[in-house]
Amino acid sequence: MAERLSLSELNGAVKKVLATNFTAPVWVVGEISEINIHSNGHCYLTLIEKGESEDRIVAQARATIWSYTFRMLRPFFETTTGQQLTDGIKVLLQVSVEFHEMYGFSLNVRNIDPTYTLGDQALKRREIIRRLTEDGVLTMNKELELPLVPQKIAIISSPSAAGYEDFMEQLTNNGNGYKFYTKLFPAVMQGNQAEQSIVEALDRIYPYEDFFDVVVIIRGGGSQVDLSCFDNYNIAYHITQFPLPVLSGIGHEKDDSIADLVAHTRLKTPTAVAEFILDGVAAFEDRINLMQQETISLVENRLEEEKNLLEDLTGELSKLVRDQLGNKKRELMQRTWRFQQEIKLTLQNSEHRLGKKLQKAGFLVDRIFYVHRQKIEKARNMIHVTIPGSLQGKREQMDHYLLKFRHLSVRGIGNEIHRIELAGQKAMLSDPANILKKGYSITTVRGILVKDIALLKSDEVMNTRFSDGAVLSKIIEIKQSDKNDS
């Protein structure tokens, strides 16, 4: 039958066994699951160990750092590693193994090796980078195109941070007077709450991706311990997936954090971020000014070339116009001379025909008068022979009628001659040369006398003849008058 022991006897036996086998302190590796710093200065830890292939806890133990030891170990660890002694980190502790009959198994921490934690941090960092690389997102934010002139800026920072104030001062009171729209999305920038707070700030900005140009994450200085939260997979992953370029100005003095590594552009300080934005805007303005000068120069050169070409064309056109005007002038003079000759010949023919008609009319009048006179003389002789003296009065009456007939004949012939003279004067007044002298003109196109605007066409040359010369003109536009116009 197995030996029967009381609980105190069993615990005492365990204590003896542990004391026998652990006579000196040992180095133990574990992850701090919980940490509690008591008001009396003592630090109470819960250490765990997880399986390599899964996140399951395979071992757990309590550990204590007494106040005297804790006051020395804590600053030594945090100064060396740049990391707070907090939960979630792996540590290498020198402990004495203790067992108390009342309180059970515990570890009394004597020392801590910060180099192991540094190595573990580096390992974690490499692991995060490996995961981001395998996910294919490590450089996604860097591949976004940075706006040439980022003017609408979303800021993730603590409202009370000096770095935020420095950033706004530099951006707002810039020497060039550039204007920017900024919106602060407050977040916790250190400690255990930083991860969730920064991710939530990014989520609040996301609905306004079409409004903002860039996102700025700034903190502004602090120890490596304070900034360790930016070596975080969740923060880094959200930055890589963000649709806007992210500029980081967290304030690391030495190594870049993983947040810096995945951001579009990493700057050292918040002030440097503001200077980067201002420099980009100034560079864009310089390019615009340069392009303006180049454009003005190109336009001036082109105008000079076109001016020279226009002068050459004007000279050639002037020569062509002068030659054309000379040819048209000679042609007009020839046509005018022929027209005058035709008019003179027509007038001469008219005068000749009129003279013949006058001559013929005078001959007929003389013939008629002669015949009537013979008849009257014959009648008069017959009267002298056959008519008694008592008819002398009738003879006188006949002489009166004869005189009246002659008077009427002469007057009729005079009227006809006057009508012929008026016709000659009218023909002289219709002479084109006389008409031109009265202020009228004669217009021809293609040698055709223009009596109707329908004969004219655009771009044709008109020849307008005046009494003392001619003018050539080019038709640019033809406007027909409305028949209903008053």
Protein backbone atom coordinates (compact mmCIF):
# COMPACT_ATOMS: atom_id res chain seq x y z
CA MET A 1 0.00 0.00 0.00
CA ALA A 2 1.30 3.45 -0.99
CA GLU A 3 2.69 5.74 1.65
CA ARG A 4 0.10 8.18 3.02
CA LEU A 5 1.28 11.81 3.49
CA SER A 6 -0.37 14.95 4.70
CA LEU A 7 -0.44 17.94 2.40
CA SER A 8 2.10 19.79 4.51
CA GLU A 9 4.36 16.74 4.49
CA LEU A 10 4.05 16.55 0.69
CA ASN A 11 4.79 20.23 0.21
CA GLY A 12 7.70 19.99 2.61
CA ALA A 13 9.10 17.03 0.64
CA VAL A 14 8.74 18.98 -2.62
CA LYS A 15 10.48 21.93 -1.03
CA LYS A 16 13.39 19.70 0.05
CA VAL A 17 13.66 18.16 -3.41
CA LEU A 18 13.70 21.60 -5.11
CA ALA A 19 16.19 22.97 -2.61
CA THR A 20 18.43 19.93 -3.18
CA ASN A 21 18.30 20.15 -7.01
CA PHE A 22 18.33 23.97 -7.38
CA THR A 23 20.99 25.06 -4.97
CA ALA A 24 21.98 28.03 -7.20
CA PRO A 25 20.02 30.51 -9.37
CA VAL A 26 19.20 29.43 -12.96
CA TRP A 27 18.46 31.36 -16.18
CA VAL A 28 14.89 30.91 -17.45
CA VAL A 29 13.33 32.07 -20.77
CA GLY A 30 9.71 33.12 -20.71
CA GLU A 31 7.17 35.61 -22.06
CA ILE A 32 5.66 38.12 -19.69
CA SER A 33 1.94 37.47 -19.79
CA GLU A 34 1.00 39.83 -16.95
CA ILE A 35 2.90 42.43 -14.97
CA ASN A 36 1.72 44.15 -11.82
CA ILE A 37 3.77 46.76 -9.99
CA HIS A 38 2.55 47.09 -6.42
CA SER A 39 2.50 50.38 -4.58
CA ASN A 40 5.21 49.07 -2.23
CA GLY A 41 7.56 48.77 -5.23
CA HIS A 42 7.41 45.02 -5.65
CA CYS A 43 6.82 43.67 -9.21
CA TYR A 44 4.73 40.55 -9.72
CA LEU A 45 4.96 38.70 -13.04
CA THR A 46 3.16 35.85 -14.76
CA LEU A 47 5.53 34.02 -17.10
CA ILE A 48 4.29 31.73 -19.87
CA GLU A 49 5.71 29.59 -22.65
CA LYS A 50 3.91 28.98 -25.95
CA GLY A 51 4.25 26.12 -28.39
CA GLU A 52 6.46 26.75 -31.39
CA SER A 53 3.86 25.82 -34.03
CA GLU A 54 0.79 27.20 -32.25
CA ASP A 55 -0.17 29.95 -29.91
CA ARG A 56 -1.12 27.56 -27.09
CA ILE A 57 0.40 28.03 -23.60
CA VAL A 58 2.41 24.99 -22.60
CA ALA A 59 3.85 26.26 -19.27
CA GLN A 60 3.15 28.99 -16.71
CA ALA A 61 4.74 30.24 -13.48
CA ARG A 62 4.63 33.15 -11.08
CA ALA A 63 7.69 35.34 -10.53
CA THR A 64 8.52 38.14 -8.14
CA ILE A 65 10.98 41.02 -8.40
CA TRP A 66 11.38 42.55 -4.97
CA SER A 67 11.36 46.34 -4.83
CA TYR A 68 15.08 46.74 -4.13
CA THR A 69 16.02 44.57 -7.13
CA PHE A 70 13.27 46.01 -9.34
CA ARG A 71 14.57 49.58 -8.86
CA MET A 72 17.89 48.49 -10.38
CA LEU A 73 16.74 46.01 -13.06
CA ARG A 74 14.00 48.08 -14.66
CA PRO A 75 16.06 51.14 -15.79
CA PHE A 76 18.93 48.85 -16.79
CA PHE A 77 16.65 46.78 -19.02
CA GLU A 78 14.75 49.68 -20.58
CA THR A 79 17.87 51.79 -21.22
CA THR A 80 19.66 48.90 -22.87
CA THR A 81 16.80 47.60 -25.00
CA GLY A 82 14.91 50.81 -25.64
CA GLN A 83 11.83 48.80 -24.68
CA GLN A 84 9.57 49.02 -21.69
CA LEU A 85 9.45 46.09 -19.32
CA THR A 86 5.88 45.24 -20.14
CA ASP A 87 3.66 42.36 -21.09
CA GLY A 88 4.03 40.65 -24.44
CA ILE A 89 7.86 40.56 -24.56
CA LYS A 90 10.23 37.66 -24.08
CA VAL A 91 12.85 37.92 -21.33
CA LEU A 92 15.78 35.94 -20.02
CA LEU A 93 15.63 36.04 -16.22
CA GLN A 94 18.03 34.75 -13.57
CA VAL A 95 15.81 33.23 -10.88
CA SER A 96 16.02 31.24 -7.71
CA VAL A 97 13.50 28.41 -7.55
CA GLU A 98 11.40 28.57 -4.40
CA PHE A 99 8.56 26.56 -2.96
CA HIS A 100 6.45 27.57 0.02
CA GLU A 101 4.13 25.21 1.81
CA MET A 102 1.39 27.86 1.85
CA TYR A 103 1.92 29.71 -1.47
CA GLY A 104 3.34 26.97 -3.66
CA PHE A 105 5.85 27.25 -6.49
CA SER A 106 7.36 30.64 -7.46
CA LEU A 107 10.44 32.23 -9.00
CA ASN A 108 12.44 34.96 -7.32
CA VAL A 109 14.02 37.16 -10.01
CA ARG A 110 17.62 38.11 -9.31
CA ASN A 111 18.79 39.46 -12.67
CA ILE A 112 17.70 40.07 -16.29
CA ASP A 113 19.64 39.81 -19.59
CA PRO A 114 18.54 42.64 -21.96
CA THR A 115 20.59 41.27 -24.86
CA TYR A 116 18.22 38.31 -25.16
CA THR A 117 15.23 40.64 -25.42
CA LEU A 118 17.06 42.71 -28.03
CA GLY A 119 17.63 39.56 -30.02
CA ASP A 120 14.02 38.56 -29.61
CA GLN A 121 12.90 42.02 -30.72
CA ALA A 122 15.08 41.76 -33.79
CA LEU A 123 13.65 38.34 -34.43
CA LYS A 124 10.12 39.66 -34.07
CA ARG A 125 10.95 42.55 -36.37
CA ARG A 126 12.33 40.18 -39.01
CA GLU A 127 9.27 38.00 -38.59
CA ILE A 128 6.91 40.95 -39.15
CA ILE A 129 8.84 42.03 -42.22
CA ARG A 130 8.78 38.44 -43.51
CA ARG A 131 5.00 38.24 -43.06
CA LEU A 132 4.46 41.57 -44.83
CA THR A 133 6.70 40.43 -47.67
CA GLU A 134 4.94 37.09 -48.03
CA ASP A 135 1.60 38.89 -47.98
CA GLY A 136 2.89 40.98 -50.90
CA VAL A 137 2.08 44.28 -49.20
CA LEU A 138 5.45 45.54 -47.92
CA THR A 139 5.86 48.26 -50.58
CA MET A 140 2.23 48.84 -51.56
CA ASN A 141 1.98 52.29 -49.99
CA LYS A 142 5.29 53.33 -51.53
CA GLU A 143 3.88 52.49 -54.96
CA LEU A 144 1.14 55.12 -54.64
CA GLU A 145 1.70 58.35 -56.54
CA LEU A 146 2.38 61.30 -54.28
CA PRO A 147 0.30 64.35 -55.37
CA LEU A 148 2.37 67.15 -56.89
CA VAL A 149 0.75 69.66 -54.55
CA PRO A 150 -0.61 67.94 -51.40
CA GLN A 151 -2.89 70.58 -49.82
CA LYS A 152 -5.46 68.53 -47.87
CA ILE A 153 -3.67 66.67 -45.09
CA ALA A 154 -5.06 64.16 -42.57
CA ILE A 155 -2.94 64.09 -39.40
CA ILE A 156 -2.67 61.22 -36.91
CA SER A 157 -1.11 62.48 -33.69
CA SER A 158 -1.76 63.27 -30.08
CA PRO A 159 -3.36 66.75 -29.78
CA SER A 160 -1.00 67.66 -26.95
CA ALA A 161 2.17 66.43 -28.62
CA ALA A 162 4.89 69.04 -29.12
CA GLY A 163 5.63 67.45 -32.49
CA TYR A 164 2.11 68.20 -33.69
CA GLU A 165 2.48 71.84 -32.67
CA ASP A 166 5.86 72.05 -34.44
CA PHE A 167 4.36 70.54 -37.58
CA MET A 168 1.44 72.99 -37.68
CA GLU A 169 3.69 75.97 -36.97
CA GLN A 170 6.07 75.06 -39.78
CA LEU A 171 3.26 74.31 -42.25
CA THR A 172 1.02 77.29 -41.45
CA ASN A 173 3.60 80.07 -41.13
CA ASN A 174 5.68 79.19 -44.18
CA GLY A 175 7.58 81.97 -45.91
CA ASN A 176 5.91 81.46 -49.31
CA GLY A 177 2.40 81.90 -47.96
CA TYR A 178 1.18 78.49 -49.14
CA LYS A 179 -2.24 77.50 -47.79
CA PHE A 180 -3.15 74.01 -46.57
CA TYR A 181 -6.22 72.33 -45.15
CA THR A 182 -5.40 70.07 -42.18
CA LYS A 183 -7.57 67.80 -40.06
CA LEU A 184 -6.36 66.11 -36.86
CA PHE A 185 -7.48 62.56 -36.09
CA PRO A 186 -6.38 62.13 -32.45
CA ALA A 187 -4.66 58.90 -31.39
CA VAL A 188 -2.58 57.49 -28.56
CA MET A 189 1.01 57.46 -29.77
CA GLN A 190 2.74 55.21 -27.21
CA GLY A 191 2.06 52.29 -24.93
CA ASN A 192 -0.23 49.31 -25.18
CA GLN A 193 -3.17 51.35 -26.48
CA ALA A 194 -1.25 52.84 -29.41
CA GLU A 195 -1.90 49.95 -31.80
CA GLN A 196 -5.69 50.03 -31.53
CA SER A 197 -5.83 53.85 -31.42
CA ILE A 198 -3.70 54.38 -34.56
CA VAL A 199 -5.58 51.70 -36.51
CA GLU A 200 -8.91 53.31 -35.53
CA ALA A 201 -7.63 56.72 -36.69
CA LEU A 202 -6.76 55.23 -40.08
CA ASP A 203 -10.23 53.70 -40.25
CA ARG A 204 -11.79 57.13 -39.56
CA ILE A 205 -9.81 58.70 -42.41
CA TYR A 206 -10.61 55.95 -44.92
CA PRO A 207 -14.15 57.18 -45.86
CA TYR A 208 -12.58 60.49 -46.95
CA GLU A 209 -9.91 59.03 -49.22
CA ASP A 210 -11.25 61.04 -52.17
CA PHE A 211 -10.93 64.27 -50.19
CA PHE A 212 -7.49 64.08 -48.56
CA ASP A 213 -4.22 64.07 -50.48
CA VAL A 214 -1.93 62.45 -47.89
CA VAL A 215 -1.92 61.05 -44.34
CA VAL A 216 0.72 62.21 -41.86
CA ILE A 217 1.63 60.12 -38.78
CA ILE A 218 3.69 62.26 -36.40
CA ARG A 219 4.78 61.95 -32.83
CA GLY A 220 7.88 64.00 -32.29
CA GLY A 221 10.68 62.56 -30.21
CA GLY A 222 10.70 60.23 -27.24
CA SER A 223 12.78 57.31 -26.11
CA GLN A 224 13.09 54.05 -27.98
CA VAL A 225 10.85 52.58 -25.31
CA ASP A 226 8.07 55.03 -26.10
CA LEU A 227 8.31 54.39 -29.83
CA SER A 228 8.42 50.59 -29.74
CA CYS A 229 4.68 50.40 -30.47
CA PHE A 230 5.40 51.29 -34.10
CA ASP A 231 7.18 47.94 -34.57
CA ASN A 232 3.77 46.37 -34.88
CA TYR A 233 2.36 44.13 -37.61
CA ASN A 234 -1.21 45.39 -37.37
CA ILE A 235 -0.23 49.07 -37.69
CA ALA A 236 2.18 48.28 -40.52
CA TYR A 237 -0.39 46.18 -42.39
CA HIS A 238 -3.01 48.95 -42.21
CA ILE A 239 -0.49 51.47 -43.56
CA THR A 240 0.39 49.20 -46.50
CA GLN A 241 -3.28 48.78 -47.37
CA PHE A 242 -4.17 52.45 -47.06
CA PRO A 243 -5.25 54.11 -50.37
CA LEU A 244 -3.46 57.40 -49.61
CA PRO A 245 0.30 58.01 -49.33
CA VAL A 246 1.39 57.92 -45.68
CA LEU A 247 4.19 60.21 -44.47
CA SER A 248 5.79 59.24 -41.15
CA GLY A 249 7.55 61.61 -38.80
CA ILE A 250 7.65 59.51 -35.64
CA GLY A 251 10.95 60.85 -34.37
CA HIS A 252 13.25 57.84 -34.25
CA GLU A 253 16.81 59.00 -33.86
CA LYS A 254 18.45 55.75 -35.02
CA ASP A 255 16.72 52.81 -36.64
CA ASP A 256 13.52 53.03 -38.64
CA SER A 257 10.45 51.41 -37.17
CA ILE A 258 8.41 48.98 -39.23
CA ALA A 259 5.79 51.73 -39.61
CA ASP A 260 8.55 53.91 -41.13
CA LEU A 261 9.62 51.01 -43.34
CA VAL A 262 6.20 50.52 -44.96
CA ALA A 263 5.20 54.21 -45.13
CA HIS A 264 5.37 55.99 -48.49
CA THR A 265 7.98 58.46 -47.20
CA ARG A 266 9.85 58.38 -43.89
CA LEU A 267 11.01 61.66 -42.37
CA LYS A 268 12.97 62.08 -39.17
CA THR A 269 10.75 64.58 -37.33
CA PRO A 270 7.33 66.26 -37.69
CA THR A 271 9.11 69.46 -38.71
CA ALA A 272 10.92 67.52 -41.42
CA VAL A 273 7.55 66.25 -42.69
CA ALA A 274 6.27 69.84 -42.97
CA GLU A 275 9.47 70.91 -44.77
CA PHE A 276 9.11 67.96 -47.16
CA ILE A 277 5.57 69.03 -48.10
CA LEU A 278 6.59 72.68 -48.45
CA ASP A 279 9.62 71.78 -50.56
CA GLY A 280 7.41 69.72 -52.86
CA VAL A 281 5.00 72.61 -53.35
CA ALA A 282 7.87 75.05 -53.92
CA ALA A 283 9.46 72.69 -56.46
CA PHE A 284 6.12 72.44 -58.28
CA GLU A 285 5.83 76.23 -58.32
CA ASP A 286 9.36 76.50 -59.69
CA ARG A 287 8.50 74.02 -62.45
CA ILE A 288 5.36 75.98 -63.28
CA ASN A 289 7.35 79.24 -63.45
CA LEU A 290 9.98 77.58 -65.63
CA MET A 291 7.32 76.15 -67.92
CA GLN A 292 5.72 79.58 -68.10
CA GLN A 293 9.01 81.18 -69.14
CA GLU A 294 9.66 78.42 -71.67
CA THR A 295 6.16 78.80 -73.05
CA ILE A 296 6.54 82.57 -73.34
CA SER A 297 9.89 82.12 -75.07
CA LEU A 298 8.46 79.56 -77.48
CA VAL A 299 5.49 81.79 -78.26
CA GLU A 300 7.72 84.83 -78.81
CA ASN A 301 10.01 82.84 -81.12
CA ARG A 302 7.03 81.47 -83.01
CA LEU A 303 5.52 84.93 -83.31
CA GLU A 304 8.83 86.27 -84.65
CA GLU A 305 8.99 83.44 -87.19
CA GLU A 306 5.40 84.00 -88.24
CA LYS A 307 6.02 87.75 -88.44
CA ASN A 308 8.99 87.23 -90.77
CA LEU A 309 6.98 84.76 -92.84
CA LEU A 310 4.08 87.20 -93.00
CA GLU A 311 6.40 89.99 -94.11
CA ASP A 312 7.81 87.76 -96.85
CA LEU A 313 4.33 86.73 -97.97
CA THR A 314 3.16 90.35 -97.81
CA GLY A 315 6.05 91.40 -100.03
CA GLU A 316 5.30 88.65 -102.52
CA LEU A 317 1.58 89.42 -102.43
CA SER A 318 2.21 93.14 -102.90
CA LYS A 319 4.31 92.40 -105.96
CA LEU A 320 1.65 90.06 -107.33
CA VAL A 321 -1.06 92.63 -106.67
CA ARG A 322 0.97 95.40 -108.33
CA ASP A 323 1.60 93.20 -111.35
CA GLN A 324 -2.06 92.19 -111.49
CA LEU A 325 -3.20 95.80 -111.08
CA GLY A 326 -0.82 96.86 -113.86
CA ASN A 327 -2.16 94.18 -116.17
CA LYS A 328 -5.76 95.03 -115.31
CA LYS A 329 -5.06 98.73 -115.72
CA ARG A 330 -3.63 98.19 -119.20
CA GLU A 331 -6.52 95.91 -120.03
CA LEU A 332 -8.99 98.51 -118.76
CA MET A 333 -7.34 101.29 -120.71
CA GLN A 334 -7.49 99.18 -123.87
CA ARG A 335 -11.13 98.32 -123.31
CA THR A 336 -11.93 101.97 -122.47
CA TRP A 337 -10.21 103.13 -125.62
CA ARG A 338 -12.07 100.58 -127.72
CA PHE A 339 -15.33 101.55 -125.98
CA GLN A 340 -14.72 105.26 -126.70
CA GLN A 341 -13.88 104.48 -130.29
CA GLU A 342 -17.05 102.46 -130.66
CA ILE A 343 -19.08 105.30 -129.12
CA LYS A 344 -17.46 107.88 -131.44
CA LEU A 345 -18.06 105.67 -134.45
CA THR A 346 -21.66 105.16 -133.38
CA LEU A 347 -22.13 108.91 -132.94
CA GLN A 348 -20.54 109.62 -136.29
CA ASN A 349 -22.79 107.07 -138.00
CA SER A 350 -25.79 108.54 -136.19
CA GLU A 351 -24.82 112.08 -137.26
CA HIS A 352 -24.27 110.90 -140.84
CA ARG A 353 -27.63 109.15 -140.97
CA LEU A 354 -29.25 112.20 -139.35
CA GLY A 355 -27.64 114.51 -141.94
CA LYS A 356 -28.91 112.35 -144.75
CA LYS A 357 -32.37 112.33 -143.25
CA LEU A 358 -32.27 116.13 -142.89
CA GLN A 359 -31.03 116.52 -146.42
CA LYS A 360 -33.71 114.18 -147.71
CA ALA A 361 -36.37 115.99 -145.67
CA GLY A 362 -35.27 119.38 -147.02
CA PHE A 363 -35.31 118.05 -150.56
CA LEU A 364 -38.79 116.65 -150.07
CA VAL A 365 -39.99 119.93 -148.60
CA ASP A 366 -38.52 121.88 -151.48
CA ARG A 367 -40.04 119.42 -153.95
CA ILE A 368 -43.43 119.58 -152.30
CA PHE A 369 -43.24 123.35 -152.15
CA TYR A 370 -42.17 123.49 -155.79
CA VAL A 371 -44.99 121.23 -156.94
CA HIS A 372 -47.58 123.17 -154.96
CA ARG A 373 -46.15 126.40 -156.23
CA GLN A 374 -46.46 125.18 -159.83
CA LYS A 375 -50.01 124.16 -159.20
CA ILE A 376 -50.79 127.51 -157.61
CA GLU A 377 -49.19 129.41 -160.49
CA LYS A 378 -51.10 127.31 -162.96
CA ALA A 379 -54.30 127.98 -161.12
CA ARG A 380 -53.53 131.64 -160.88
CA ASN A 381 -52.99 131.87 -164.68
CA MET A 382 -56.19 130.03 -165.25
CA ILE A 383 -57.92 132.45 -163.01
CA HIS A 384 -56.51 135.40 -164.96
CA VAL A 385 -57.78 133.82 -168.15
CA THR A 386 -61.12 132.40 -167.12
CA ILE A 387 -62.15 134.19 -164.01
CA PRO A 388 -63.73 137.60 -164.46
CA GLY A 389 -62.61 140.60 -162.53
CA SER A 390 -65.38 140.13 -160.07
CA LEU A 391 -63.54 137.12 -158.78
CA GLN A 392 -60.44 139.07 -157.84
CA GLY A 393 -61.28 138.65 -154.17
CA LYS A 394 -61.16 134.87 -154.54
CA ARG A 395 -57.69 135.14 -155.97
CA GLU A 396 -56.47 137.11 -153.05
CA GLN A 397 -57.96 134.55 -150.74
CA MET A 398 -56.11 131.82 -152.60
CA ASP A 399 -52.84 133.70 -152.22
CA HIS A 400 -53.53 133.93 -148.49
CA TYR A 401 -54.02 130.19 -148.27
CA LEU A 402 -50.85 129.59 -150.25
CA LEU A 403 -48.86 131.81 -147.90
CA LYS A 404 -50.34 130.08 -144.89
CA PHE A 405 -49.49 126.66 -146.33
CA ARG A 406 -45.92 127.70 -146.92
CA HIS A 407 -45.66 129.04 -143.38
CA LEU A 408 -47.03 125.80 -141.96
CA SER A 409 -44.68 123.73 -144.10
CA VAL A 410 -41.67 125.73 -143.00
CA ARG A 411 -42.73 125.45 -139.33
CA GLY A 412 -43.25 121.66 -139.61
CA ILE A 413 -39.86 121.24 -141.16
CA GLY A 414 -38.35 123.42 -138.38
CA ASN A 415 -39.99 121.26 -135.71
CA GLU A 416 -38.65 118.10 -137.30
CA ILE A 417 -35.18 119.61 -137.48
CA HIS A 418 -35.47 120.62 -133.77
CA ARG A 419 -36.54 117.06 -132.83
CA ILE A 420 -33.56 115.68 -134.70
CA GLU A 421 -31.26 118.13 -132.92
CA LEU A 422 -32.71 117.09 -129.52
CA ALA A 423 -32.10 113.46 -130.42
CA GLY A 424 -28.48 114.35 -131.21
CA GLN A 425 -28.11 116.15 -127.90
CA LYS A 426 -29.64 113.19 -126.06
CA ALA A 427 -27.17 110.88 -127.79
CA MET A 428 -24.32 113.15 -126.69
CA LEU A 429 -25.63 113.14 -123.12
CA SER A 430 -25.69 109.32 -123.22
CA ASP A 431 -21.99 109.27 -124.04
CA PRO A 432 -20.33 107.12 -121.24
CA ALA A 433 -17.50 109.61 -121.00
CA ASN A 434 -19.94 112.37 -120.08
CA ILE A 435 -21.81 110.11 -117.68
CA LEU A 436 -18.56 109.26 -115.84
CA LYS A 437 -17.81 112.97 -115.46
CA LYS A 438 -21.06 113.35 -113.50
CA GLY A 439 -19.76 111.05 -110.69
CA TYR A 440 -20.99 107.71 -112.00
CA SER A 441 -18.75 104.69 -112.55
CA ILE A 442 -18.70 101.57 -114.74
CA THR A 443 -17.94 98.21 -113.08
CA THR A 444 -16.90 95.10 -114.98
CA VAL A 445 -15.98 91.57 -113.85
CA ARG A 446 -14.23 89.20 -116.23
CA GLY A 447 -14.84 91.84 -118.97
CA ILE A 448 -18.62 91.75 -118.39
CA LEU A 449 -20.54 94.90 -117.48
CA VAL A 450 -22.04 94.45 -114.00
CA LYS A 451 -25.74 95.35 -113.94
CA ASP A 452 -26.86 92.75 -111.36
CA ILE A 453 -25.23 91.65 -108.07
CA ALA A 454 -25.96 88.05 -109.05
CA LEU A 455 -23.04 88.25 -111.52
CA LEU A 456 -20.59 88.73 -108.66
CA LYS A 457 -18.70 85.99 -106.80
CA SER A 458 -16.49 86.08 -103.69
CA ASP A 459 -12.72 86.47 -104.20
CA GLU A 460 -13.22 87.88 -107.73
CA VAL A 461 -11.54 91.14 -108.84
CA MET A 462 -13.81 94.01 -109.92
CA ASN A 463 -12.69 96.74 -112.34
CA THR A 464 -14.37 100.06 -111.52
CA ARG A 465 -13.90 102.79 -114.11
CA PHE A 466 -14.13 106.53 -113.21
CA SER A 467 -13.79 109.54 -115.48
CA ASP A 468 -10.12 109.98 -114.59
CA GLY A 469 -8.95 106.37 -114.00
CA ALA A 470 -9.83 102.89 -112.78
CA VAL A 471 -9.67 100.90 -109.52
CA LEU A 472 -9.26 97.14 -109.03
CA SER A 473 -10.92 95.71 -105.90
CA LYS A 474 -11.35 92.18 -104.51
CA ILE A 475 -14.79 90.97 -103.45
CA ILE A 476 -14.66 89.74 -99.83
CA GLU A 477 -18.36 89.39 -99.03
CA ILE A 478 -21.59 89.83 -101.03
CA LYS A 479 -24.68 91.15 -99.27
CA GLN A 480 -27.97 91.25 -101.18
CA SER A 481 -30.52 93.78 -100.00
CA ASP A 482 -33.91 92.55 -98.82
CA LYS A 483 -36.68 93.60 -101.20
CA ASN A 484 -38.82 94.41 -98.18
CA ASP A 485 -36.22 96.83 -96.78
CA SER A 486 -37.40 100.38 -96.72
